[in-house]
PDB file of N, CA and C in Angstrom:
ATOM      1  N   UNK A   1     108.562  97.496  87.018  1.00  0.00           N
ATOM      2  CA  UNK A   1     108.368  98.881  87.317  1.00  0.00           C
ATOM      3  C   UNK A   1     109.342  99.286  88.413  1.00  0.00           C
ATOM      4  N   UNK A   2     109.788 100.490  88.280  1.00  0.00           N
ATOM      5  CA  UNK A   2     110.714 101.020  89.278  1.00  0.00           C
ATOM      6  C   UNK A   2     110.353 102.479  89.527  1.00  0.00           C
ATOM      7  N   UNK A   3     110.587 102.901  90.726  1.00  0.00           N
ATOM      8  CA  UNK A   3     110.329 104.312  91.048  1.00  0.00           C
ATOM      9  C   UNK A   3     111.425 105.184  90.456  1.00  0.00           C
ATOM     10  N   UNK A   4     111.008 106.283  89.887  1.00  0.00           N
ATOM     11  CA  UNK A   4     111.952 107.207  89.261  1.00  0.00           C
ATOM     12  C   UNK A   4     112.979 107.705  90.279  1.00  0.00           C
ATOM     13  N   UNK A   5     112.530 107.976  91.500  1.00  0.00           N
ATOM     14  CA  UNK A   5     113.440 108.496  92.527  1.00  0.00           C
ATOM     15  C   UNK A   5     114.556 107.500  92.844  1.00  0.00           C
ATOM     16  N   UNK A   6     114.241 106.208  92.794  1.00  0.00           N
ATOM     17  CA  UNK A   6     115.258 105.186  93.054  1.00  0.00           C
ATOM     18  C   UNK A   6     116.222 105.099  91.877  1.00  0.00           C
ATOM     19  N   UNK A   7     115.683 105.129  90.664  1.00  0.00           N
ATOM     20  CA  UNK A   7     116.520 105.071  89.458  1.00  0.00           C
ATOM     21  C   UNK A   7     117.499 106.237  89.442  1.00  0.00           C
ATOM     22  N   UNK A   8     117.036 107.405  89.826  1.00  0.00           N
ATOM     23  CA  UNK A   8     117.894 108.593  89.801  1.00  0.00           C
ATOM     24  C   UNK A   8     119.086 108.462  90.736  1.00  0.00           C
ATOM     25  N   UNK A   9     118.963 107.658  91.796  1.00  0.00           N
ATOM     26  CA  UNK A   9     120.088 107.445  92.714  1.00  0.00           C
ATOM     27  C   UNK A   9     121.253 106.732  92.031  1.00  0.00           C
ATOM     28  N   UNK A  10     120.956 105.942  91.011  1.00  0.00           N
ATOM     29  CA  UNK A  10     121.968 105.095  90.391  1.00  0.00           C
ATOM     30  C   UNK A  10     122.297 105.505  88.961  1.00  0.00           C
ATOM     31  N   UNK A  11     121.856 106.658  88.522  1.00  0.00           N
ATOM     32  CA  UNK A  11     122.086 107.081  87.136  1.00  0.00           C
ATOM     33  C   UNK A  11     123.562 107.115  86.763  1.00  0.00           C
ATOM     34  N   UNK A  12     124.416 107.543  87.680  1.00  0.00           N
ATOM     35  CA  UNK A  12     125.838 107.657  87.372  1.00  0.00           C
ATOM     36  C   UNK A  12     126.495 106.297  87.177  1.00  0.00           C
ATOM     37  N   UNK A  13     125.834 105.218  87.578  1.00  0.00           N
ATOM     38  CA  UNK A  13     126.392 103.872  87.439  1.00  0.00           C
ATOM     39  C   UNK A  13     126.017 103.202  86.122  1.00  0.00           C
ATOM     40  N   UNK A  14     125.052 103.755  85.432  1.00  0.00           N
ATOM     41  CA  UNK A  14     124.512 103.080  84.254  1.00  0.00           C
ATOM     42  C   UNK A  14     125.513 103.019  83.109  1.00  0.00           C
ATOM     43  N   UNK A  15     125.700 101.834  82.545  1.00  0.00           N
ATOM     44  CA  UNK A  15     126.576 101.692  81.383  1.00  0.00           C
ATOM     45  C   UNK A  15     125.846 102.148  80.124  1.00  0.00           C
ATOM     46  N   UNK A  16     126.578 102.330  79.062  1.00  0.00           N
ATOM     47  CA  UNK A  16     125.962 102.770  77.810  1.00  0.00           C
ATOM     48  C   UNK A  16     125.358 101.603  77.038  1.00  0.00           C
ATOM     49  N   UNK A  17     125.564 100.390  77.493  1.00  0.00           N
ATOM     50  CA  UNK A  17     125.077  99.219  76.768  1.00  0.00           C
ATOM     51  C   UNK A  17     123.678  98.806  77.149  1.00  0.00           C
ATOM     52  N   UNK A  18     123.411  97.537  76.979  1.00  0.00           N
ATOM     53  CA  UNK A  18     122.075  96.999  77.132  1.00  0.00           C
ATOM     54  C   UNK A  18     121.738  96.577  78.556  1.00  0.00           C
ATOM     55  N   UNK A  19     122.623  96.734  79.493  1.00  0.00           N
ATOM     56  CA  UNK A  19     122.424  96.166  80.819  1.00  0.00           C
ATOM     57  C   UNK A  19     121.832  97.148  81.833  1.00  0.00           C
ATOM     58  N   UNK A  20     120.983  98.028  81.390  1.00  0.00           N
ATOM     59  CA  UNK A  20     120.334  98.995  82.279  1.00  0.00           C
ATOM     60  C   UNK A  20     119.595  98.285  83.412  1.00  0.00           C
ATOM     61  N   UNK A  21     118.751  97.334  83.072  1.00  0.00           N
ATOM     62  CA  UNK A  21     117.947  96.676  84.105  1.00  0.00           C
ATOM     63  C   UNK A  21     118.812  95.848  85.051  1.00  0.00           C
ATOM     64  N   UNK A  22     119.836  95.208  84.533  1.00  0.00           N
ATOM     65  CA  UNK A  22     120.730  94.425  85.401  1.00  0.00           C
ATOM     66  C   UNK A  22     121.450  95.330  86.389  1.00  0.00           C
ATOM     67  N   UNK A  23     121.950  96.453  85.901  1.00  0.00           N
ATOM     68  CA  UNK A  23     122.671  97.386  86.763  1.00  0.00           C
ATOM     69  C   UNK A  23     121.768  97.942  87.847  1.00  0.00           C
ATOM     70  N   UNK A  24     120.584  98.376  87.468  1.00  0.00           N
ATOM     71  CA  UNK A  24     119.651  98.937  88.448  1.00  0.00           C
ATOM     72  C   UNK A  24     119.240  97.863  89.461  1.00  0.00           C
ATOM     73  N   UNK A  25     118.938  96.664  88.988  1.00  0.00           N
ATOM     74  CA  UNK A  25     118.516  95.592  89.896  1.00  0.00           C
ATOM     75  C   UNK A  25     119.626  95.234  90.875  1.00  0.00           C
ATOM     76  N   UNK A  26     120.844  95.048  90.379  1.00  0.00           N
ATOM     77  CA  UNK A  26     121.968  94.742  91.271  1.00  0.00           C
ATOM     78  C   UNK A  26     122.217  95.869  92.266  1.00  0.00           C
ATOM     79  N   UNK A  27     122.112  97.100  91.817  1.00  0.00           N
ATOM     80  CA  UNK A  27     122.320  98.250  92.698  1.00  0.00           C
ATOM     81  C   UNK A  27     121.248  98.304  93.782  1.00  0.00           C
ATOM     82  N   UNK A  28     120.017  98.030  93.393  1.00  0.00           N
ATOM     83  CA  UNK A  28     118.931  98.045  94.375  1.00  0.00           C
ATOM     84  C   UNK A  28     119.100  96.926  95.397  1.00  0.00           C
ATOM     85  N   UNK A  29     119.477  95.739  94.935  1.00  0.00           N
ATOM     86  CA  UNK A  29     119.703  94.631  95.860  1.00  0.00           C
ATOM     87  C   UNK A  29     120.865  94.920  96.806  1.00  0.00           C
ATOM     88  N   UNK A  30     121.931  95.515  96.283  1.00  0.00           N
ATOM     89  CA  UNK A  30     123.116  95.810  97.099  1.00  0.00           C
ATOM     90  C   UNK A  30     122.835  96.862  98.160  1.00  0.00           C
ATOM     91  N   UNK A  31     121.889  97.762  97.883  1.00  0.00           N
ATOM     92  CA  UNK A  31     121.566  98.813  98.852  1.00  0.00           C
ATOM     93  C   UNK A  31     120.302  98.486  99.642  1.00  0.00           C
ATOM     94  N   UNK A  32     119.898  97.220  99.565  1.00  0.00           N
ATOM     95  CA  UNK A  32     118.801  96.675 100.362  1.00  0.00           C
ATOM     96  C   UNK A  32     117.423  97.266 100.046  1.00  0.00           C
ATOM     97  N   UNK A  33     117.228  97.688  98.811  1.00  0.00           N
ATOM     98  CA  UNK A  33     115.885  98.052  98.387  1.00  0.00           C
ATOM     99  C   UNK A  33     115.085  96.776  98.195  1.00  0.00           C
ATOM    100  N   UNK A  34     113.801  96.869  98.370  1.00  0.00           N
ATOM    101  CA  UNK A  34     112.937  95.715  98.157  1.00  0.00           C
ATOM    102  C   UNK A  34     112.759  95.514  96.654  1.00  0.00           C
ATOM    103  N   UNK A  35     113.036  94.299  96.192  1.00  0.00           N
ATOM    104  CA  UNK A  35     112.900  93.964  94.772  1.00  0.00           C
ATOM    105  C   UNK A  35     111.906  92.811  94.658  1.00  0.00           C
ATOM    106  N   UNK A  36     110.923  92.993  93.816  1.00  0.00           N
ATOM    107  CA  UNK A  36     109.903  91.960  93.596  1.00  0.00           C
ATOM    108  C   UNK A  36     109.844  91.666  92.108  1.00  0.00           C
ATOM    109  N   UNK A  37     109.957  90.402  91.764  1.00  0.00           N
ATOM    110  CA  UNK A  37     109.884  89.994  90.363  1.00  0.00           C
ATOM    111  C   UNK A  37     108.458  89.598  90.033  1.00  0.00           C
ATOM    112  N   UNK A  38     107.946  90.164  88.991  1.00  0.00           N
ATOM    113  CA  UNK A  38     106.590  89.860  88.544  1.00  0.00           C
ATOM    114  C   UNK A  38     106.682  89.164  87.188  1.00  0.00           C
ATOM    115  N   UNK A  39     106.196  87.933  87.101  1.00  0.00           N
ATOM    116  CA  UNK A  39     106.261  87.249  85.807  1.00  0.00           C
ATOM    117  C   UNK A  39     105.345  87.929  84.783  1.00  0.00           C
ATOM    118  N   UNK A  40     105.808  87.992  83.565  1.00  0.00           N
ATOM    119  CA  UNK A  40     105.007  88.582  82.503  1.00  0.00           C
ATOM    120  C   UNK A  40     104.881  87.578  81.353  1.00  0.00           C
ATOM    121  N   UNK A  41     103.791  87.688  80.641  1.00  0.00           N
ATOM    122  CA  UNK A  41     103.586  86.832  79.471  1.00  0.00           C
ATOM    123  C   UNK A  41     104.196  87.534  78.255  1.00  0.00           C
ATOM    124  N   UNK A  42     104.903  86.789  77.448  1.00  0.00           N
ATOM    125  CA  UNK A  42     105.509  87.375  76.251  1.00  0.00           C
ATOM    126  C   UNK A  42     105.553  86.325  75.151  1.00  0.00           C
ATOM    127  N   UNK A  43     105.713  86.790  73.943  1.00  0.00           N
ATOM    128  CA  UNK A  43     105.753  85.894  72.792  1.00  0.00           C
ATOM    129  C   UNK A  43     107.183  85.435  72.540  1.00  0.00           C
ATOM    130  N   UNK A  44     107.295  84.289  71.870  1.00  0.00           N
ATOM    131  CA  UNK A  44     108.619  83.769  71.511  1.00  0.00           C
ATOM    132  C   UNK A  44     109.334  84.781  70.620  1.00  0.00           C
ATOM    133  N   UNK A  45     110.612  84.940  70.863  1.00  0.00           N
ATOM    134  CA  UNK A  45     111.414  85.903  70.119  1.00  0.00           C
ATOM    135  C   UNK A  45     111.530  85.500  68.651  1.00  0.00           C
ATOM    136  N   UNK A  46     111.405  86.484  67.793  1.00  0.00           N
ATOM    137  CA  UNK A  46     111.575  86.271  66.358  1.00  0.00           C
ATOM    138  C   UNK A  46     112.877  86.941  65.954  1.00  0.00           C
ATOM    139  N   UNK A  47     113.709  86.247  65.206  1.00  0.00           N
ATOM    140  CA  UNK A  47     114.986  86.822  64.785  1.00  0.00           C
ATOM    141  C   UNK A  47     116.128  86.273  65.596  1.00  0.00           C
ATOM    142  N   UNK A  48     117.274  86.926  65.470  1.00  0.00           N
ATOM    143  CA  UNK A  48     118.485  86.485  66.149  1.00  0.00           C
ATOM    144  C   UNK A  48     118.826  87.430  67.300  1.00  0.00           C
ATOM    145  N   UNK A  49     119.433  86.867  68.310  1.00  0.00           N
ATOM    146  CA  UNK A  49     119.886  87.666  69.438  1.00  0.00           C
ATOM    147  C   UNK A  49     121.111  88.481  69.026  1.00  0.00           C
ATOM    148  N   UNK A  50     121.233  89.670  69.588  1.00  0.00           N
ATOM    149  CA  UNK A  50     122.399  90.516  69.313  1.00  0.00           C
ATOM    150  C   UNK A  50     123.493  90.318  70.355  1.00  0.00           C
ATOM    151  N   UNK A  51     123.218  89.478  71.345  1.00  0.00           N
ATOM    152  CA  UNK A  51     124.209  89.211  72.383  1.00  0.00           C
ATOM    153  C   UNK A  51     125.205  88.182  71.850  1.00  0.00           C
ATOM    154  N   UNK A  52     126.482  88.520  71.958  1.00  0.00           N
ATOM    155  CA  UNK A  52     127.562  87.647  71.494  1.00  0.00           C
ATOM    156  C   UNK A  52     128.218  86.956  72.690  1.00  0.00           C
ATOM    157  N   UNK A  53     128.897  85.848  72.453  1.00  0.00           N
ATOM    158  CA  UNK A  53     129.584  85.167  73.558  1.00  0.00           C
ATOM    159  C   UNK A  53     130.587  86.078  74.282  1.00  0.00           C
ATOM    160  N   UNK A  54     131.188  87.027  73.582  1.00  0.00           N
ATOM    161  CA  UNK A  54     132.148  87.931  74.227  1.00  0.00           C
ATOM    162  C   UNK A  54     131.466  88.894  75.201  1.00  0.00           C
ATOM    163  N   UNK A  55     130.164  89.055  75.069  1.00  0.00           N
ATOM    164  CA  UNK A  55     129.436  89.918  76.009  1.00  0.00           C
ATOM    165  C   UNK A  55     129.466  89.356  77.425  1.00  0.00           C
ATOM    166  N   UNK A  56     129.726  88.062  77.561  1.00  0.00           N
ATOM    167  CA  UNK A  56     129.835  87.437  78.872  1.00  0.00           C
ATOM    168  C   UNK A  56     130.869  88.166  79.732  1.00  0.00           C
ATOM    169  N   UNK A  57     132.000  88.507  79.149  1.00  0.00           N
ATOM    170  CA  UNK A  57     133.070  89.168  79.900  1.00  0.00           C
ATOM    171  C   UNK A  57     132.688  90.591  80.287  1.00  0.00           C
ATOM    172  N   UNK A  58     131.956  91.285  79.427  1.00  0.00           N
ATOM    173  CA  UNK A  58     131.469  92.624  79.771  1.00  0.00           C
ATOM    174  C   UNK A  58     130.482  92.566  80.935  1.00  0.00           C
ATOM    175  N   UNK A  59     129.605  91.569  80.911  1.00  0.00           N
ATOM    176  CA  UNK A  59     128.630  91.412  81.997  1.00  0.00           C
ATOM    177  C   UNK A  59     129.344  91.038  83.285  1.00  0.00           C
ATOM    178  N   UNK A  60     130.326  90.141  83.199  1.00  0.00           N
ATOM    179  CA  UNK A  60     131.108  89.769  84.376  1.00  0.00           C
ATOM    180  C   UNK A  60     131.852  90.980  84.941  1.00  0.00           C
ATOM    181  N   UNK A  61     132.405  91.812  84.079  1.00  0.00           N
ATOM    182  CA  UNK A  61     133.096  93.028  84.520  1.00  0.00           C
ATOM    183  C   UNK A  61     132.116  93.997  85.176  1.00  0.00           C
ATOM    184  N   UNK A  62     130.914  94.106  84.628  1.00  0.00           N
ATOM    185  CA  UNK A  62     129.898  94.978  85.210  1.00  0.00           C
ATOM    186  C   UNK A  62     129.519  94.517  86.611  1.00  0.00           C
ATOM    187  N   UNK A  63     129.283  93.216  86.766  1.00  0.00           N
ATOM    188  CA  UNK A  63     128.919  92.680  88.073  1.00  0.00           C
ATOM    189  C   UNK A  63     130.069  92.859  89.061  1.00  0.00           C
ATOM    190  N   UNK A  64     131.296  92.610  88.628  1.00  0.00           N
ATOM    191  CA  UNK A  64     132.460  92.797  89.507  1.00  0.00           C
ATOM    192  C   UNK A  64     132.615  94.256  89.915  1.00  0.00           C
ATOM    193  N   UNK A  65     132.410  95.167  88.980  1.00  0.00           N
ATOM    194  CA  UNK A  65     132.525  96.592  89.282  1.00  0.00           C
ATOM    195  C   UNK A  65     131.477  97.020  90.310  1.00  0.00           C
ATOM    196  N   UNK A  66     130.252  96.547  90.145  1.00  0.00           N
ATOM    197  CA  UNK A  66     129.202  96.896  91.101  1.00  0.00           C
ATOM    198  C   UNK A  66     129.478  96.277  92.470  1.00  0.00           C
ATOM    199  N   UNK A  67     129.996  95.044  92.496  1.00  0.00           N
ATOM    200  CA  UNK A  67     130.344  94.427  93.778  1.00  0.00           C
ATOM    201  C   UNK A  67     131.458  95.201  94.469  1.00  0.00           C
ATOM    202  N   UNK A  68     132.452  95.648  93.712  1.00  0.00           N
ATOM    203  CA  UNK A  68     133.540  96.434  94.304  1.00  0.00           C
ATOM    204  C   UNK A  68     133.030  97.773  94.832  1.00  0.00           C
ATOM    205  N   UNK A  69     132.034  98.325  94.191  1.00  0.00           N
ATOM    206  CA  UNK A  69     131.475  99.603  94.625  1.00  0.00           C
ATOM    207  C   UNK A  69     130.661  99.455  95.904  1.00  0.00           C
ATOM    208  N   UNK A  70     129.803  98.447  95.946  1.00  0.00           N
ATOM    209  CA  UNK A  70     128.872  98.311  97.071  1.00  0.00           C
ATOM    210  C   UNK A  70     129.389  97.434  98.202  1.00  0.00           C
ATOM    211  N   UNK A  71     130.180  96.419  97.898  1.00  0.00           N
ATOM    212  CA  UNK A  71     130.670  95.513  98.932  1.00  0.00           C
ATOM    213  C   UNK A  71     132.017  94.922  98.506  1.00  0.00           C
ATOM    214  N   UNK A  72     133.093  95.707  98.597  1.00  0.00           N
ATOM    215  CA  UNK A  72     134.396  95.246  98.115  1.00  0.00           C
ATOM    216  C   UNK A  72     134.925  94.012  98.845  1.00  0.00           C
ATOM    217  N   UNK A  73     134.503  93.791 100.084  1.00  0.00           N
ATOM    218  CA  UNK A  73     134.993  92.631 100.831  1.00  0.00           C
ATOM    219  C   UNK A  73     134.577  91.325 100.179  1.00  0.00           C
ATOM    220  N   UNK A  74     133.479  91.331  99.451  1.00  0.00           N
ATOM    221  CA  UNK A  74     133.027  90.108  98.772  1.00  0.00           C
ATOM    222  C   UNK A  74     134.024  89.632  97.736  1.00  0.00           C
ATOM    223  N   UNK A  75     134.782  90.528  97.164  1.00  0.00           N
ATOM    224  CA  UNK A  75     135.789  90.135  96.177  1.00  0.00           C
ATOM    225  C   UNK A  75     137.169  90.097  96.817  1.00  0.00           C
ATOM    226  N   UNK A  76     137.499  91.144  97.564  1.00  0.00           N
ATOM    227  CA  UNK A  76     138.856  91.266  98.098  1.00  0.00           C
ATOM    228  C   UNK A  76     139.165  90.260  99.196  1.00  0.00           C
ATOM    229  N   UNK A  77     138.203  89.925 100.034  1.00  0.00           N
ATOM    230  CA  UNK A  77     138.456  88.989 101.130  1.00  0.00           C
ATOM    231  C   UNK A  77     138.811  87.592 100.604  1.00  0.00           C
ATOM    232  N   UNK A  78     138.020  87.001  99.691  1.00  0.00           N
ATOM    233  CA  UNK A  78     138.436  85.681  99.176  1.00  0.00           C
ATOM    234  C   UNK A  78     139.772  85.711  98.443  1.00  0.00           C
ATOM    235  N   UNK A  79     140.036  86.778  97.699  1.00  0.00           N
ATOM    236  CA  UNK A  79     141.319  86.890  96.994  1.00  0.00           C
ATOM    237  C   UNK A  79     142.462  86.986  98.005  1.00  0.00           C
ATOM    238  N   UNK A  80     142.269  87.756  99.058  1.00  0.00           N
ATOM    239  CA  UNK A  80     143.289  87.894 100.097  1.00  0.00           C
ATOM    240  C   UNK A  80     143.538  86.594 100.837  1.00  0.00           C
ATOM    241  N   UNK A  81     142.463  85.875 101.167  1.00  0.00           N
ATOM    242  CA  UNK A  81     142.605  84.593 101.860  1.00  0.00           C
ATOM    243  C   UNK A  81     143.326  83.588 100.963  1.00  0.00           C
ATOM    244  N   UNK A  82     142.965  83.567  99.685  1.00  0.00           N
ATOM    245  CA  UNK A  82     143.634  82.664  98.742  1.00  0.00           C
ATOM    246  C   UNK A  82     145.127  82.995  98.642  1.00  0.00           C
ATOM    247  N   UNK A  83     145.457  84.276  98.564  1.00  0.00           N
ATOM    248  CA  UNK A  83     146.866  84.679  98.503  1.00  0.00           C
ATOM    249  C   UNK A  83     147.600  84.287  99.783  1.00  0.00           C
ATOM    250  N   UNK A  84     146.951  84.451 100.918  1.00  0.00           N
ATOM    251  CA  UNK A  84     147.551  84.068 102.191  1.00  0.00           C
ATOM    252  C   UNK A  84     147.796  82.563 102.257  1.00  0.00           C
ATOM    253  N   UNK A  85     146.826  81.781 101.815  1.00  0.00           N
ATOM    254  CA  UNK A  85     146.984  80.331 101.820  1.00  0.00           C
ATOM    255  C   UNK A  85     148.074  79.877 100.870  1.00  0.00           C
ATOM    256  N   UNK A  86     148.119  80.467  99.688  1.00  0.00           N
ATOM    257  CA  UNK A  86     149.177  80.125  98.739  1.00  0.00           C
ATOM    258  C   UNK A  86     150.550  80.493  99.279  1.00  0.00           C
ATOM    259  N   UNK A  87     150.640  81.651  99.891  1.00  0.00           N
ATOM    260  CA  UNK A  87     151.911  82.067 100.478  1.00  0.00           C
ATOM    261  C   UNK A  87     152.323  81.184 101.630  1.00  0.00           C
ATOM    262  N   UNK A  88     151.370  80.786 102.460  1.00  0.00           N
ATOM    263  CA  UNK A  88     151.676  79.936 103.604  1.00  0.00           C
ATOM    264  C   UNK A  88     152.069  78.529 103.157  1.00  0.00           C
ATOM    265  N   UNK A  89     151.460  78.049 102.101  1.00  0.00           N
ATOM    266  CA  UNK A  89     151.805  76.694 101.630  1.00  0.00           C
ATOM    267  C   UNK A  89     153.161  76.665 100.945  1.00  0.00           C
ATOM    268  N   UNK A  90     153.587  77.776 100.431  1.00  0.00           N
ATOM    269  CA  UNK A  90     154.877  77.852  99.731  1.00  0.00           C
ATOM    270  C   UNK A  90     156.054  77.810 100.717  1.00  0.00           C
ATOM    271  N   UNK A  91     155.842  78.373 101.895  1.00  0.00           N
ATOM    272  CA  UNK A  91     156.901  78.436 102.909  1.00  0.00           C
ATOM    273  C   UNK A  91     156.433  77.766 104.202  1.00  0.00           C
ATOM    274  N   UNK A  92     156.452  76.441 104.251  1.00  0.00           N
ATOM    275  CA  UNK A  92     156.000  75.760 105.478  1.00  0.00           C
ATOM    276  C   UNK A  92     156.919  76.058 106.655  1.00  0.00           C
ATOM    277  N   UNK A  93     156.327  76.088 107.820  1.00  0.00           N
ATOM    278  CA  UNK A  93     157.102  76.370 109.029  1.00  0.00           C
ATOM    279  C   UNK A  93     157.882  75.188 109.496  1.00  0.00           C
TER     280      UNK A  93
END
C-alpha cells in the first residue's frame, strides 16, 4: 500500500512498462520516505513469465536513471575516480 499523495510526487518518473512498483519504491527510498515490506501469501504462478532476458538492460537503465536523478554522485564519483586512476597509471611520475 502506498499513499496517493506520495505516488503523485513521482508520477512524472513512471515508465510505461511494468516497473511501476520498482520505480515508486526506489524513488521513495531515495527521498528518505519510510518503506515497510509486508509479506503476502500468494499462489504459485501458472503460465509463463512475460519478462525476457533483454528486460535486464531496461531495468538496469531505469535504476541508473533514477540514481542519476536523486543522487548522481553515486554513479559519477566512482566513474571519475576510475578515470583518474587509469589516467594516473598511464603516465607515471
